[in-house]
Amino acid sequence: MSAPSDTGSTQLGAGVNSVVIVGGGTSGWMCAAAIARMAPPDTSITLVESEEVGVIGVGEATIPPLIEFNEFLGLDENDFLRECQGTFKLGIEFVDWFKLGDRYFHPFGFYGRDTPEFAFHQLWLRLKALSDEGEAPADLPGEISQYNLCAVAARLGRFSPPQGGGDAILSTMRHAYHFDAMRYGRMLRRYAEQRGVRRVEGLVERVEQHPDHGTIQSVTLRCGEVLAGDLFIDCSGFRSLLIEGAMGSDFVDWSHYLPCDRAIALPTTGSGAPDPFTRATADRAGWRWRIPLQARTGNGYVYSSAFVDEGEVHRRLVEGAEGEALADPRPLRFRTGHRRAFWKKNCVAIGLAGGFIEPLESTSIHLTQMGIQRLINLWPGRGCNPAEIAHYNRVMTSDYERVRDFIVLHYSATERDDTAFWRYVGNMEIPDTLAEKLEIFRGSGRVIPSPEDLFTPHSWLAVMLGQGVGPRTYDALVDRVPESTLIHNMGLLREAVGKTAAALPAHQDYIRRYCASDNGLRESSGG
C-alpha cells in the first residue's frame, strides 16, 4: 500500500476537511489508521461506534498482503504478533474437499521457479508424463507440493521469513498471519487516536442528507450529538447503515454460487504447538475452520442453512474441536455478494458494509484493505468526481468477482456426492469467467495471469490440482529441455527444498524467540 502516485506526497489532497467513519471493528479502525497516516494535520477524522453493537472478530486468518498494510502504517511485525497473540501462516490445508479422505495444501510462495519461457509446473507436468510412461524414476516427479518451500515447511511445523535473493530457495517463502482480530482492532485504535482520530461512543439514529443532491451532511446519534462531515465511510458491517439505509445501494446476491449463509465460531484452548497453517475441513453442508493462535485456537463451522439445521452444526463443531471451550459457540449470519455501488456520492462502504465472500481463503480483511487503498489513491480532495467514483466501483466489483471465482472453484470441482449440499455445488452453474479459466487449464495446463489478480497462478494451480482438475497434456515448449537434464535438475530441486525446510526453526521456537505474547505461547507452551 502506497501514497497516491500522482502527487508523490505522503499527504492526501486538500478539500475533504472532515471524515466521519461509522462503525469500528477491524475495518473501521483500519480505515481510521490509514487515513490518519495520510491526512494533512488539519483533517478532522471521527469514528463513531457503540459497545452495544457486537464486532465480528473470531480469530482471523489472513493472506500475505496484510504485511504491506502493516508496513505502510509502520508497524513492526514482531510487535504486532506479540500484541495480537499471532502466529504465522504458510497456507491452508484442505481436508475432504475433492473427495472423502483426500487432502491437499494451498501454500503461499512459489512452486520451483518460473522462467521467461514457461512456468515451472509445466516441467513438473512433463516429468509426470515421463514417469507415467516409465521413462523417469518411479519416485519422480512426486507431489508438486514437494517443490514448494512453504508447503514442505508447513508439513514439518517449521517457519522462517524469506531471506536472500536471486536463486536462494529461502527467498521463495511467503507468509501471512493468524491473530486475534479484537486485539488488532485495539492496536489500530491506539495508533489512530495517537494521530488525532476522535472516537465517539454512540449509536447512529438518523442520517441527514442534502435535500437537492442527496449527499450525506451529518449523522445524529441516539444521545443527540450531531456529527457533520465532508466524507462518510460506512464500516457498520452487515447492517450497512449508510450505503444501503441512506444511499439505497442495492445488493448483488451471489448465494446461487456460494450457498453458505451461516457460521458458528468457537474458541478453545490451544493443544500443543501451533501449526503454521489454517485447516479447512469439508463437512456435510459446509466446512470447519481451525486457526491456531498463541493462546487459543479459533474453530468454526461455515454452512448453508438450506441443507442443515443449526443444532447439527453445533454438535459437529463441538465434537470436532480440540481443547476446552473458552466461550459459548457464537452464531453468525451473512450474505455472499456485494453492493452494486461501493461508493455513492460522498459515502464509501468498506469491509462487510460493502460486501462479503465467505472466509474460506481468508480474503475478508484483504478486501477491506483494497477498499481503503483504492479510496486513498482516488481521494476526493476537491470534491467527489463522478468518473473517479465510477472507476472505484468498477475495480472493486472486479476485485470481488475474481475472489468469488476462486472460492467457487473449491466447491464446484469436487467428486463428493454423499450429501445434498455437495450434489448441489458439484452440479451448479459456475461463472463464465471461472469456466473459461478451467477450460484453458484442462487443455495444456496453462494458467493465464492477470496483473489485478489477488491469487497468483501458483495459488490457482494448487487448488485446481488439489480439487482434481488436471490438464490433458502440457505446454509443448518444455520438450526443448533434454529428458536427462529435466530428471536430474528436478531431483536436485526437490531435495534442496526438503533440506532447506528441515533446517528451519520450529514454528513455536521462532515465535518464542521473536514475538511471544506474555500470556500467549510462553504461558501455554511453558516456554
Protein backbone atom coordinates (compact mmCIF):
# COMPACT_ATOMS: atom_id res chain seq x y z
CA MET A 1 0.00 0.00 0.00
CA SER A 2 1.49 3.30 -1.01
CA ALA A 3 0.80 7.01 -1.21
CA PRO A 4 -1.14 8.35 -4.23
CA SER A 5 1.26 8.20 -7.15
CA ASP A 6 0.04 11.38 -8.85
CA THR A 7 1.24 13.66 -6.05
CA GLY A 8 4.39 11.96 -4.87
CA SER A 9 3.39 13.19 -1.43
CA THR A 10 2.68 11.39 1.80
CA GLN A 11 -0.41 13.53 2.32
CA LEU A 12 -3.88 13.48 0.86
CA GLY A 13 -5.11 16.38 -1.20
CA ALA A 14 -6.87 19.33 0.42
CA GLY A 15 -10.64 19.70 0.27
CA VAL A 16 -12.01 16.91 2.43
CA ASN A 17 -11.63 18.59 5.77
CA SER A 18 -13.74 16.21 7.85
CA VAL A 19 -14.21 12.46 7.65
CA VAL A 20 -16.80 10.50 9.62
CA ILE A 21 -16.37 6.73 9.92
CA VAL A 22 -19.48 4.90 11.09
CA GLY A 23 -18.51 1.63 12.76
CA GLY A 24 -15.38 0.32 14.42
CA GLY A 25 -14.05 -3.21 14.47
CA THR A 26 -11.20 -4.24 12.21
CA SER A 27 -12.44 -2.43 9.09
CA GLY A 28 -13.32 0.82 10.88
CA TRP A 29 -10.01 1.11 12.66
CA MET A 30 -8.05 0.05 9.57
CA CYS A 31 -9.73 2.97 7.77
CA ALA A 32 -9.06 5.37 10.62
CA ALA A 33 -5.41 4.36 10.92
CA ALA A 34 -4.72 4.55 7.18
CA ILE A 35 -6.43 7.91 6.69
CA ALA A 36 -4.74 9.32 9.76
CA ARG A 37 -1.42 8.14 8.34
CA MET A 38 -2.03 10.06 5.09
CA ALA A 39 -4.22 13.03 6.01
CA PRO A 40 -2.98 16.62 6.44
CA PRO A 41 -2.71 17.67 10.10
CA ASP A 42 -5.86 19.80 9.96
CA THR A 43 -8.13 16.97 8.76
CA SER A 44 -10.82 16.05 11.26
CA ILE A 45 -11.35 12.28 11.49
CA THR A 46 -14.13 10.97 13.71
CA LEU A 47 -15.06 7.34 14.26
CA VAL A 48 -18.37 6.51 15.90
CA GLU A 49 -19.01 3.07 17.34
CA SER A 50 -21.04 1.56 20.15
CA GLU A 51 -20.20 -1.05 22.73
CA GLU A 52 -23.81 -2.23 22.31
CA VAL A 53 -23.07 -3.47 18.79
CA GLY A 54 -21.05 -6.65 18.63
CA VAL A 55 -17.94 -6.84 16.47
CA ILE A 56 -17.43 -9.76 14.10
CA GLY A 57 -13.99 -10.95 15.10
CA VAL A 58 -13.47 -14.63 15.71
CA GLY A 59 -9.72 -15.09 15.44
CA GLU A 60 -8.63 -14.09 11.98
CA ALA A 61 -6.57 -15.83 9.34
CA THR A 62 -5.13 -13.58 6.66
CA ILE A 63 -3.24 -13.63 3.39
CA PRO A 64 0.21 -12.09 2.69
CA PRO A 65 -0.83 -8.58 1.51
CA LEU A 66 -1.66 -7.60 5.10
CA ILE A 67 2.12 -7.38 5.58
CA GLU A 68 2.10 -4.40 3.19
CA PHE A 69 -0.67 -2.66 5.13
CA ASN A 70 1.16 -3.02 8.43
CA GLU A 71 4.39 -1.81 6.83
CA PHE A 72 2.51 1.18 5.39
CA LEU A 73 1.47 2.09 8.92
CA GLY A 74 4.99 1.48 10.21
CA LEU A 75 4.00 -1.40 12.49
CA ASP A 76 6.76 -3.79 13.49
CA GLU A 77 5.86 -7.39 12.64
CA ASN A 78 7.06 -8.88 15.90
CA ASP A 79 5.33 -6.20 17.99
CA PHE A 80 2.11 -6.77 16.05
CA LEU A 81 2.21 -10.55 16.59
CA ARG A 82 3.16 -10.18 20.24
CA GLU A 83 0.25 -7.83 20.97
CA CYS A 84 -2.30 -9.80 18.90
CA GLN A 85 -1.10 -13.23 20.10
CA GLY A 86 -0.46 -14.07 16.48
CA THR A 87 1.19 -16.96 14.71
CA PHE A 88 2.49 -17.39 11.18
CA LYS A 89 0.52 -18.87 8.32
CA LEU A 90 2.15 -20.55 5.33
CA GLY A 91 -1.05 -21.64 3.63
CA ILE A 92 -4.24 -23.65 4.07
CA GLU A 93 -4.69 -27.39 4.37
CA PHE A 94 -7.90 -28.61 2.72
CA VAL A 95 -9.35 -31.86 4.02
CA ASP A 96 -12.18 -33.87 2.35
CA TRP A 97 -12.88 -31.28 -0.35
CA PHE A 98 -12.17 -33.22 -3.53
CA LYS A 99 -13.40 -36.47 -2.01
CA LEU A 100 -13.65 -38.01 1.44
CA GLY A 101 -10.25 -38.97 2.83
CA ASP A 102 -8.38 -36.67 0.46
CA ARG A 103 -6.32 -33.66 1.48
CA TYR A 104 -4.14 -31.09 -0.23
CA PHE A 105 -2.27 -27.91 0.66
CA HIS A 106 -2.65 -24.43 -0.82
CA PRO A 107 0.68 -22.80 0.03
CA PHE A 108 1.87 -19.25 -0.25
CA GLY A 109 5.16 -18.82 -2.06
CA PHE A 110 6.11 -20.47 -5.31
CA TYR A 111 6.50 -23.87 -6.90
CA GLY A 112 10.06 -24.19 -8.13
CA ARG A 113 10.99 -21.18 -10.20
CA ASP A 114 9.26 -19.94 -13.32
CA THR A 115 11.35 -18.91 -16.33
CA PRO A 116 10.62 -16.35 -19.07
CA GLU A 117 9.82 -19.28 -21.39
CA PHE A 118 7.44 -21.37 -19.32
CA ALA A 119 6.01 -21.87 -15.86
CA PHE A 120 7.70 -24.34 -13.50
CA HIS A 121 4.62 -26.54 -13.23
CA GLN A 122 4.91 -27.32 -16.94
CA LEU A 123 8.24 -29.03 -16.19
CA TRP A 124 6.52 -30.98 -13.44
CA LEU A 125 3.69 -31.99 -15.76
CA ARG A 126 6.15 -33.24 -18.36
CA LEU A 127 8.12 -35.16 -15.74
CA LYS A 128 4.86 -36.67 -14.51
CA ALA A 129 4.06 -37.79 -18.04
CA LEU A 130 7.51 -39.36 -18.39
CA SER A 131 7.08 -41.16 -15.07
CA ASP A 132 3.67 -42.49 -16.13
CA GLU A 133 5.28 -43.83 -19.30
CA GLY A 134 8.11 -45.49 -17.34
CA GLU A 135 10.76 -43.16 -18.77
CA ALA A 136 11.59 -41.45 -15.47
CA PRO A 137 12.33 -42.84 -11.99
CA ALA A 138 9.22 -44.01 -10.15
CA ASP A 139 9.77 -41.58 -7.29
CA LEU A 140 9.71 -38.60 -9.68
CA PRO A 141 8.14 -36.17 -10.00
CA GLY A 142 6.33 -36.77 -6.68
CA GLU A 143 3.70 -34.33 -5.46
CA ILE A 144 4.06 -30.80 -6.75
CA SER A 145 3.89 -29.58 -3.14
CA GLN A 146 7.34 -31.10 -2.63
CA TYR A 147 8.74 -28.27 -4.76
CA ASN A 148 7.17 -25.52 -2.64
CA LEU A 149 9.10 -24.48 0.46
CA CYS A 150 6.00 -23.19 2.25
CA ALA A 151 4.19 -26.48 1.77
CA VAL A 152 7.11 -28.61 2.98
CA ALA A 153 7.88 -26.31 5.94
CA ALA A 154 4.22 -26.29 6.98
CA ARG A 155 4.09 -30.07 6.98
CA LEU A 156 7.19 -30.14 9.21
CA GLY A 157 5.87 -27.39 11.51
CA ARG A 158 8.74 -25.07 10.67
CA PHE A 159 9.00 -21.40 9.81
CA SER A 160 11.33 -18.59 8.78
CA PRO A 161 10.65 -15.33 6.97
CA PRO A 162 12.04 -15.04 3.43
CA GLN A 163 15.77 -14.44 3.20
CA GLY A 164 18.28 -13.91 0.45
CA GLY A 165 17.55 -13.22 -3.18
CA GLY A 166 18.20 -14.47 -6.64
CA ASP A 167 18.21 -18.26 -6.67
CA ALA A 168 18.06 -18.71 -2.88
CA ILE A 169 15.29 -21.19 -2.05
CA LEU A 170 14.56 -19.36 1.20
CA SER A 171 13.64 -16.26 -0.81
CA THR A 172 10.51 -18.11 -2.03
CA MET A 173 8.97 -18.16 1.46
CA ARG A 174 5.80 -16.10 1.77
CA HIS A 175 3.68 -15.85 4.87
CA ALA A 176 0.59 -14.34 6.42
CA TYR A 177 -0.80 -14.41 9.96
CA HIS A 178 -3.29 -15.87 12.39
CA PHE A 179 -4.18 -13.31 15.04
CA ASP A 180 -6.80 -12.08 17.46
CA ALA A 181 -8.91 -9.59 15.48
CA MET A 182 -10.19 -7.85 18.61
CA ARG A 183 -6.63 -7.14 19.75
CA TYR A 184 -5.69 -5.93 16.26
CA GLY A 185 -8.62 -3.52 16.33
CA ARG A 186 -7.48 -2.15 19.69
CA MET A 187 -3.93 -1.79 18.39
CA LEU A 188 -5.13 0.16 15.36
CA ARG A 189 -7.40 2.28 17.54
CA ARG A 190 -4.45 3.31 19.70
CA TYR A 191 -2.42 4.07 16.55
CA ALA A 192 -5.24 6.20 15.10
CA GLU A 193 -6.02 8.09 18.30
CA GLN A 194 -2.36 8.96 18.72
CA ARG A 195 -2.64 10.64 15.30
CA GLY A 196 -5.68 12.69 16.17
CA VAL A 197 -8.64 10.44 15.37
CA ARG A 198 -11.55 11.12 17.71
CA ARG A 199 -13.64 8.17 18.84
CA VAL A 200 -17.27 8.81 19.77
CA GLU A 201 -19.32 6.25 21.65
CA GLY A 202 -22.88 6.05 20.39
CA LEU A 203 -25.48 4.63 18.04
CA VAL A 204 -26.45 6.33 14.80
CA GLU A 205 -30.16 7.10 14.92
CA ARG A 206 -30.65 9.40 11.94
CA VAL A 207 -28.84 10.34 8.72
CA GLU A 208 -29.31 13.83 7.30
CA GLN A 209 -28.94 14.26 3.52
CA HIS A 210 -28.84 17.32 1.32
CA PRO A 211 -32.38 17.97 0.08
CA ASP A 212 -31.27 18.57 -3.53
CA HIS A 213 -28.38 16.24 -4.39
CA GLY A 214 -28.67 13.60 -1.66
CA THR A 215 -25.16 13.73 -0.22
CA ILE A 216 -24.86 12.91 3.46
CA GLN A 217 -24.48 16.02 5.57
CA SER A 218 -24.45 14.55 9.08
CA VAL A 219 -25.39 11.65 11.31
CA THR A 220 -27.28 12.12 14.56
CA LEU A 221 -26.56 9.83 17.48
CA ARG A 222 -29.11 8.50 19.93
CA CYS A 223 -27.67 10.83 22.57
CA GLY A 224 -28.45 13.80 20.32
CA GLU A 225 -24.91 14.61 19.19
CA VAL A 226 -24.65 15.59 15.51
CA LEU A 227 -21.55 14.60 13.52
CA ALA A 228 -21.17 16.57 10.29
CA GLY A 229 -18.64 15.67 7.62
CA ASP A 230 -17.46 16.02 4.04
CA LEU A 231 -16.87 12.29 3.50
CA PHE A 232 -18.66 9.42 5.23
CA ILE A 233 -17.25 5.91 5.40
CA ASP A 234 -19.65 3.08 6.18
CA CYS A 235 -17.94 0.43 8.31
CA SER A 236 -21.15 -0.65 10.01
CA GLY A 237 -20.79 -4.27 8.92
CA PHE A 238 -23.71 -6.24 7.54
CA ARG A 239 -26.12 -3.53 8.76
CA SER A 240 -24.83 -1.20 6.01
CA LEU A 241 -26.39 1.79 7.76
CA LEU A 242 -25.22 4.41 5.31
CA ILE A 243 -24.62 2.76 1.93
CA GLU A 244 -27.93 0.87 2.00
CA GLY A 245 -30.01 2.62 4.63
CA ALA A 246 -29.38 6.16 3.42
CA MET A 247 -27.89 5.89 -0.07
CA GLY A 248 -30.00 2.96 -1.28
CA SER A 249 -27.22 0.98 -2.96
CA ASP A 250 -28.71 -2.42 -3.69
CA PHE A 251 -27.04 -5.77 -3.08
CA VAL A 252 -25.74 -8.14 -5.78
CA ASP A 253 -26.51 -11.57 -4.33
CA TRP A 254 -24.17 -14.49 -5.07
CA SER A 255 -25.87 -17.11 -2.91
CA HIS A 256 -26.59 -19.23 -6.01
CA TYR A 257 -22.81 -19.65 -6.41
CA LEU A 258 -21.93 -19.66 -2.71
CA PRO A 259 -24.88 -21.08 -0.74
CA CYS A 260 -23.28 -20.95 2.72
CA ASP A 261 -25.03 -18.26 4.75
CA ARG A 262 -24.33 -19.09 8.40
CA ALA A 263 -21.38 -19.73 10.68
CA ILE A 264 -20.76 -20.71 14.28
CA ALA A 265 -17.50 -19.73 15.96
CA LEU A 266 -15.99 -21.44 19.00
CA PRO A 267 -12.67 -20.51 20.67
CA THR A 268 -10.86 -23.28 22.53
CA THR A 269 -7.64 -23.67 24.46
CA GLY A 270 -4.57 -24.41 22.40
CA SER A 271 -3.49 -28.01 22.04
CA GLY A 272 0.22 -28.43 21.52
CA ALA A 273 2.50 -26.44 19.25
CA PRO A 274 0.54 -24.16 16.88
CA ASP A 275 0.62 -25.24 13.25
CA PRO A 276 1.87 -22.65 10.76
CA PHE A 277 -1.24 -23.09 8.63
CA THR A 278 -5.02 -22.88 8.67
CA ARG A 279 -7.05 -26.06 8.26
CA ALA A 280 -10.37 -26.15 6.37
CA THR A 281 -12.21 -29.46 6.67
CA ALA A 282 -15.21 -30.02 4.41
CA ASP A 283 -18.29 -31.27 6.24
CA ARG A 284 -21.82 -32.38 5.41
CA ALA A 285 -23.18 -28.96 4.44
CA GLY A 286 -20.17 -26.65 4.54
CA TRP A 287 -16.79 -26.72 6.23
CA ARG A 288 -15.00 -26.31 9.56
CA TRP A 289 -12.06 -24.00 10.19
CA ARG A 290 -9.17 -24.37 12.61
CA ILE A 291 -6.97 -21.31 13.23
CA PRO A 292 -4.12 -21.72 15.76
CA LEU A 293 -3.15 -18.62 17.74
CA GLN A 294 -0.60 -18.41 20.53
CA ALA A 295 -3.02 -18.57 23.43
CA ARG A 296 -6.00 -20.35 21.89
CA THR A 297 -7.42 -21.99 18.79
CA GLY A 298 -10.18 -20.49 16.68
CA ASN A 299 -12.74 -23.04 15.49
CA GLY A 300 -15.82 -22.57 13.41
CA TYR A 301 -18.31 -24.11 11.01
CA VAL A 302 -19.47 -22.31 7.86
CA TYR A 303 -22.65 -23.85 6.47
CA SER A 304 -25.76 -23.49 4.35
CA SER A 305 -28.95 -23.25 6.39
CA ALA A 306 -30.85 -24.70 3.41
CA PHE A 307 -29.08 -28.04 3.84
CA VAL A 308 -28.53 -28.49 7.58
CA ASP A 309 -30.01 -27.20 10.82
CA GLU A 310 -28.08 -25.23 13.41
CA GLY A 311 -28.40 -27.94 16.05
CA GLU A 312 -26.49 -30.49 14.00
CA VAL A 313 -23.84 -27.92 13.09
CA HIS A 314 -23.41 -27.01 16.75
CA ARG A 315 -23.00 -30.66 17.70
CA ARG A 316 -20.46 -31.43 14.95
CA LEU A 317 -18.46 -28.30 15.73
CA VAL A 318 -18.20 -29.07 19.44
CA GLU A 319 -17.36 -32.73 18.79
CA GLY A 320 -14.65 -31.87 16.27
CA ALA A 321 -12.96 -29.04 18.18
CA GLU A 322 -9.73 -29.68 20.04
CA GLY A 323 -9.15 -28.28 23.54
CA GLU A 324 -11.51 -26.86 26.14
CA ALA A 325 -14.14 -24.32 25.11
CA LEU A 326 -13.31 -20.76 26.21
CA ALA A 327 -16.75 -19.30 25.40
CA ASP A 328 -20.16 -20.33 24.19
CA PRO A 329 -20.47 -21.01 20.45
CA ARG A 330 -21.29 -17.78 18.64
CA PRO A 331 -23.71 -17.86 15.68
CA LEU A 332 -23.25 -15.53 12.70
CA ARG A 333 -25.40 -14.82 9.65
CA PHE A 334 -24.23 -13.41 6.33
CA ARG A 335 -25.00 -13.00 2.65
CA THR A 336 -22.41 -13.51 -0.07
CA GLY A 337 -22.21 -10.73 -2.62
CA HIS A 338 -21.52 -7.01 -2.74
CA ARG A 339 -23.09 -3.58 -3.02
CA ARG A 340 -23.72 -2.58 -6.61
CA ALA A 341 -22.16 0.78 -5.72
CA PHE A 342 -19.46 0.69 -3.05
CA TRP A 343 -19.07 4.46 -3.38
CA LYS A 344 -22.14 6.63 -3.87
CA LYS A 345 -21.94 10.42 -3.75
CA ASN A 346 -19.92 11.19 -0.60
CA CYS A 347 -20.39 7.78 1.05
CA VAL A 348 -17.98 4.84 0.71
CA ALA A 349 -18.69 1.36 2.07
CA ILE A 350 -15.64 -0.52 3.36
CA GLY A 351 -15.46 -4.07 4.68
CA LEU A 352 -18.63 -6.02 5.39
CA ALA A 353 -20.79 -2.98 4.64
CA GLY A 354 -19.56 -3.21 1.03
CA GLY A 355 -19.74 -6.95 0.59
CA PHE A 356 -18.74 -10.34 1.85
CA ILE A 357 -17.34 -13.52 0.38
CA GLU A 358 -17.24 -16.39 2.81
CA PRO A 359 -13.95 -16.81 4.73
CA LEU A 360 -12.64 -19.95 3.01
CA GLU A 361 -9.48 -18.27 1.66
CA SER A 362 -9.19 -15.57 4.35
CA THR A 363 -9.99 -12.68 2.00
CA SER A 364 -12.25 -10.52 4.17
CA ILE A 365 -9.54 -8.30 5.66
CA HIS A 366 -7.81 -8.11 2.28
CA LEU A 367 -10.95 -6.77 0.58
CA THR A 368 -11.17 -4.17 3.33
CA GLN A 369 -7.53 -3.30 2.67
CA MET A 370 -8.17 -2.96 -1.08
CA GLY A 371 -11.17 -0.71 -0.45
CA ILE A 372 -9.04 1.58 1.71
CA GLN A 373 -6.10 1.59 -0.69
CA ARG A 374 -8.25 2.40 -3.71
CA LEU A 375 -10.06 5.14 -1.78
CA ILE A 376 -6.78 6.78 -0.78
CA ASN A 377 -5.47 6.59 -4.34
CA LEU A 378 -8.65 8.36 -5.53
CA TRP A 379 -9.01 10.64 -2.52
CA PRO A 380 -11.70 13.25 -3.30
CA GLY A 381 -9.55 16.21 -2.39
CA ARG A 382 -11.68 18.80 -4.18
CA GLY A 383 -14.99 17.04 -4.28
CA CYS A 384 -16.27 13.65 -5.40
CA ASN A 385 -15.55 13.22 -9.11
CA PRO A 386 -18.25 11.03 -10.76
CA ALA A 387 -15.70 9.48 -13.15
CA GLU A 388 -13.43 8.51 -10.26
CA ILE A 389 -16.37 7.12 -8.31
CA ALA A 390 -17.37 5.02 -11.34
CA HIS A 391 -13.79 3.76 -11.66
CA TYR A 392 -13.67 2.85 -7.97
CA ASN A 393 -16.91 0.88 -8.20
CA ARG A 394 -15.75 -0.89 -11.34
CA VAL A 395 -12.39 -2.04 -9.96
CA MET A 396 -13.84 -3.00 -6.58
CA THR A 397 -16.50 -5.08 -8.31
CA SER A 398 -13.76 -6.80 -10.31
CA ASP A 399 -11.82 -7.48 -7.11
CA TYR A 400 -14.84 -9.20 -5.60
CA GLU A 401 -15.61 -11.17 -8.78
CA ARG A 402 -12.09 -12.57 -9.05
CA VAL A 403 -12.14 -13.68 -5.41
CA ARG A 404 -15.62 -15.16 -5.93
CA ASP A 405 -14.39 -17.31 -8.82
CA PHE A 406 -11.51 -18.66 -6.76
CA ILE A 407 -13.81 -19.61 -3.88
CA VAL A 408 -16.42 -21.18 -6.18
CA LEU A 409 -13.66 -23.39 -7.62
CA HIS A 410 -13.28 -25.15 -4.25
CA TYR A 411 -16.93 -26.16 -4.24
CA SER A 412 -17.67 -26.85 -7.89
CA ALA A 413 -14.60 -29.03 -8.61
CA THR A 414 -15.47 -31.95 -6.38
CA GLU A 415 -16.27 -35.63 -6.69
CA ARG A 416 -18.29 -35.62 -3.47
CA ASP A 417 -21.93 -36.59 -3.83
CA ASP A 418 -22.54 -38.01 -0.35
CA THR A 419 -24.93 -35.22 0.74
CA ALA A 420 -27.47 -32.94 -0.90
CA PHE A 421 -25.18 -29.96 -0.33
CA TRP A 422 -22.25 -31.48 -2.22
CA ARG A 423 -24.51 -32.69 -5.02
CA TYR A 424 -25.80 -29.12 -5.40
CA VAL A 425 -22.42 -27.37 -5.51
CA GLY A 426 -20.88 -30.10 -7.68
CA ASN A 427 -23.54 -29.58 -10.33
CA MET A 428 -24.32 -25.87 -10.05
CA GLU A 429 -23.76 -23.35 -12.82
CA ILE A 430 -20.46 -21.51 -12.38
CA PRO A 431 -19.45 -18.02 -13.56
CA ASP A 432 -18.34 -17.84 -17.20
CA THR A 433 -15.03 -16.33 -16.13
CA LEU A 434 -14.26 -19.37 -13.99
CA ALA A 435 -15.44 -21.82 -16.65
CA GLU A 436 -13.08 -20.24 -19.19
CA LYS A 437 -10.11 -20.42 -16.80
CA LEU A 438 -10.78 -24.10 -16.09
CA GLU A 439 -11.15 -24.99 -19.76
CA ILE A 440 -7.85 -23.30 -20.62
CA PHE A 441 -6.11 -25.21 -17.81
CA ARG A 442 -7.65 -28.54 -18.85
CA GLY A 443 -6.10 -28.14 -22.29
CA SER A 444 -2.37 -27.92 -21.63
CA GLY A 445 -2.08 -26.73 -18.05
CA ARG A 446 -1.93 -23.02 -18.75
CA VAL A 447 -2.91 -20.54 -16.02
CA ILE A 448 -3.30 -17.13 -17.64
CA PRO A 449 -2.13 -14.45 -15.17
CA SER A 450 -3.72 -11.04 -14.76
CA PRO A 451 -1.92 -8.12 -13.08
CA GLU A 452 -5.03 -7.42 -10.99
CA ASP A 453 -5.43 -10.96 -9.67
CA LEU A 454 -5.18 -11.36 -5.92
CA PHE A 455 -4.40 -15.06 -6.27
CA THR A 456 -1.30 -15.91 -8.26
CA PRO A 457 -1.12 -18.68 -10.88
CA HIS A 458 0.63 -20.74 -8.18
CA SER A 459 -2.49 -20.47 -6.00
CA TRP A 460 -4.81 -21.38 -8.84
CA LEU A 461 -2.54 -24.31 -9.65
CA ALA A 462 -2.60 -25.59 -6.06
CA VAL A 463 -6.39 -25.57 -5.83
CA MET A 464 -7.11 -26.87 -9.33
CA LEU A 465 -4.75 -29.81 -8.92
CA GLY A 466 -5.93 -30.36 -5.35
CA GLN A 467 -9.55 -30.41 -6.48
CA GLY A 468 -8.85 -32.94 -9.22
CA VAL A 469 -8.77 -30.56 -12.19
CA GLY A 470 -5.99 -31.95 -14.35
CA PRO A 471 -4.70 -30.93 -17.80
CA ARG A 472 -4.82 -33.35 -20.73
CA THR A 473 -1.22 -32.53 -21.66
CA TYR A 474 1.49 -29.95 -21.04
CA ASP A 475 2.99 -26.96 -22.84
CA ALA A 476 4.99 -28.33 -25.77
CA LEU A 477 7.70 -25.74 -25.23
CA VAL A 478 9.11 -27.74 -22.32
CA ASP A 479 10.08 -30.55 -24.73
CA ARG A 480 13.06 -28.36 -25.56
CA VAL A 481 14.60 -29.40 -22.22
CA PRO A 482 16.52 -32.70 -22.58
CA GLU A 483 14.96 -35.53 -20.58
CA SER A 484 18.14 -36.30 -18.67
CA THR A 485 18.58 -32.65 -17.71
CA LEU A 486 14.96 -32.40 -16.60
CA ILE A 487 15.15 -35.54 -14.45
CA HIS A 488 18.46 -34.53 -12.86
CA ASN A 489 17.52 -30.92 -12.10
CA MET A 490 14.07 -31.73 -10.74
CA GLY A 491 15.55 -34.33 -8.42
CA LEU A 492 18.12 -31.83 -7.12
CA LEU A 493 15.47 -29.14 -6.63
CA ARG A 494 13.13 -31.39 -4.67
CA GLU A 495 16.00 -32.49 -2.46
CA ALA A 496 17.13 -28.89 -1.87
CA VAL A 497 13.62 -27.77 -0.91
CA GLY A 498 13.33 -30.65 1.55
CA LYS A 499 16.70 -29.96 3.16
CA THR A 500 16.03 -26.22 3.41
CA ALA A 501 12.69 -26.81 5.11
CA ALA A 502 14.17 -29.31 7.55
CA ALA A 503 16.87 -26.80 8.56
CA LEU A 504 14.36 -24.09 9.52
CA PRO A 505 13.50 -23.48 13.18
CA ALA A 506 10.33 -24.99 14.58
CA HIS A 507 7.40 -22.59 14.27
CA GLN A 508 6.85 -22.43 18.03
CA ASP A 509 10.57 -21.87 18.67
CA TYR A 510 10.65 -18.95 16.23
CA ILE A 511 7.65 -17.36 17.97
CA ARG A 512 9.16 -17.88 21.44
CA ARG A 513 12.35 -16.20 20.31
CA TYR A 514 10.91 -13.18 18.48
CA CYS A 515 7.24 -12.46 19.18
CA ALA A 516 5.77 -14.48 22.04
CA SER A 517 2.94 -12.81 23.90
CA ASP A 518 3.29 -12.58 27.67
CA ASN A 519 0.03 -14.51 28.08
CA GLY A 520 0.28 -16.43 24.84
CA LEU A 521 2.73 -19.07 23.68
CA ARG A 522 5.17 -18.54 26.57
CA GLU A 523 2.49 -19.43 29.08
CA SER A 524 0.60 -22.08 27.12
CA SER A 525 3.75 -23.87 25.98
CA GLY A 526 5.71 -23.49 29.18
CA GLY A 527 8.41 -21.51 27.39
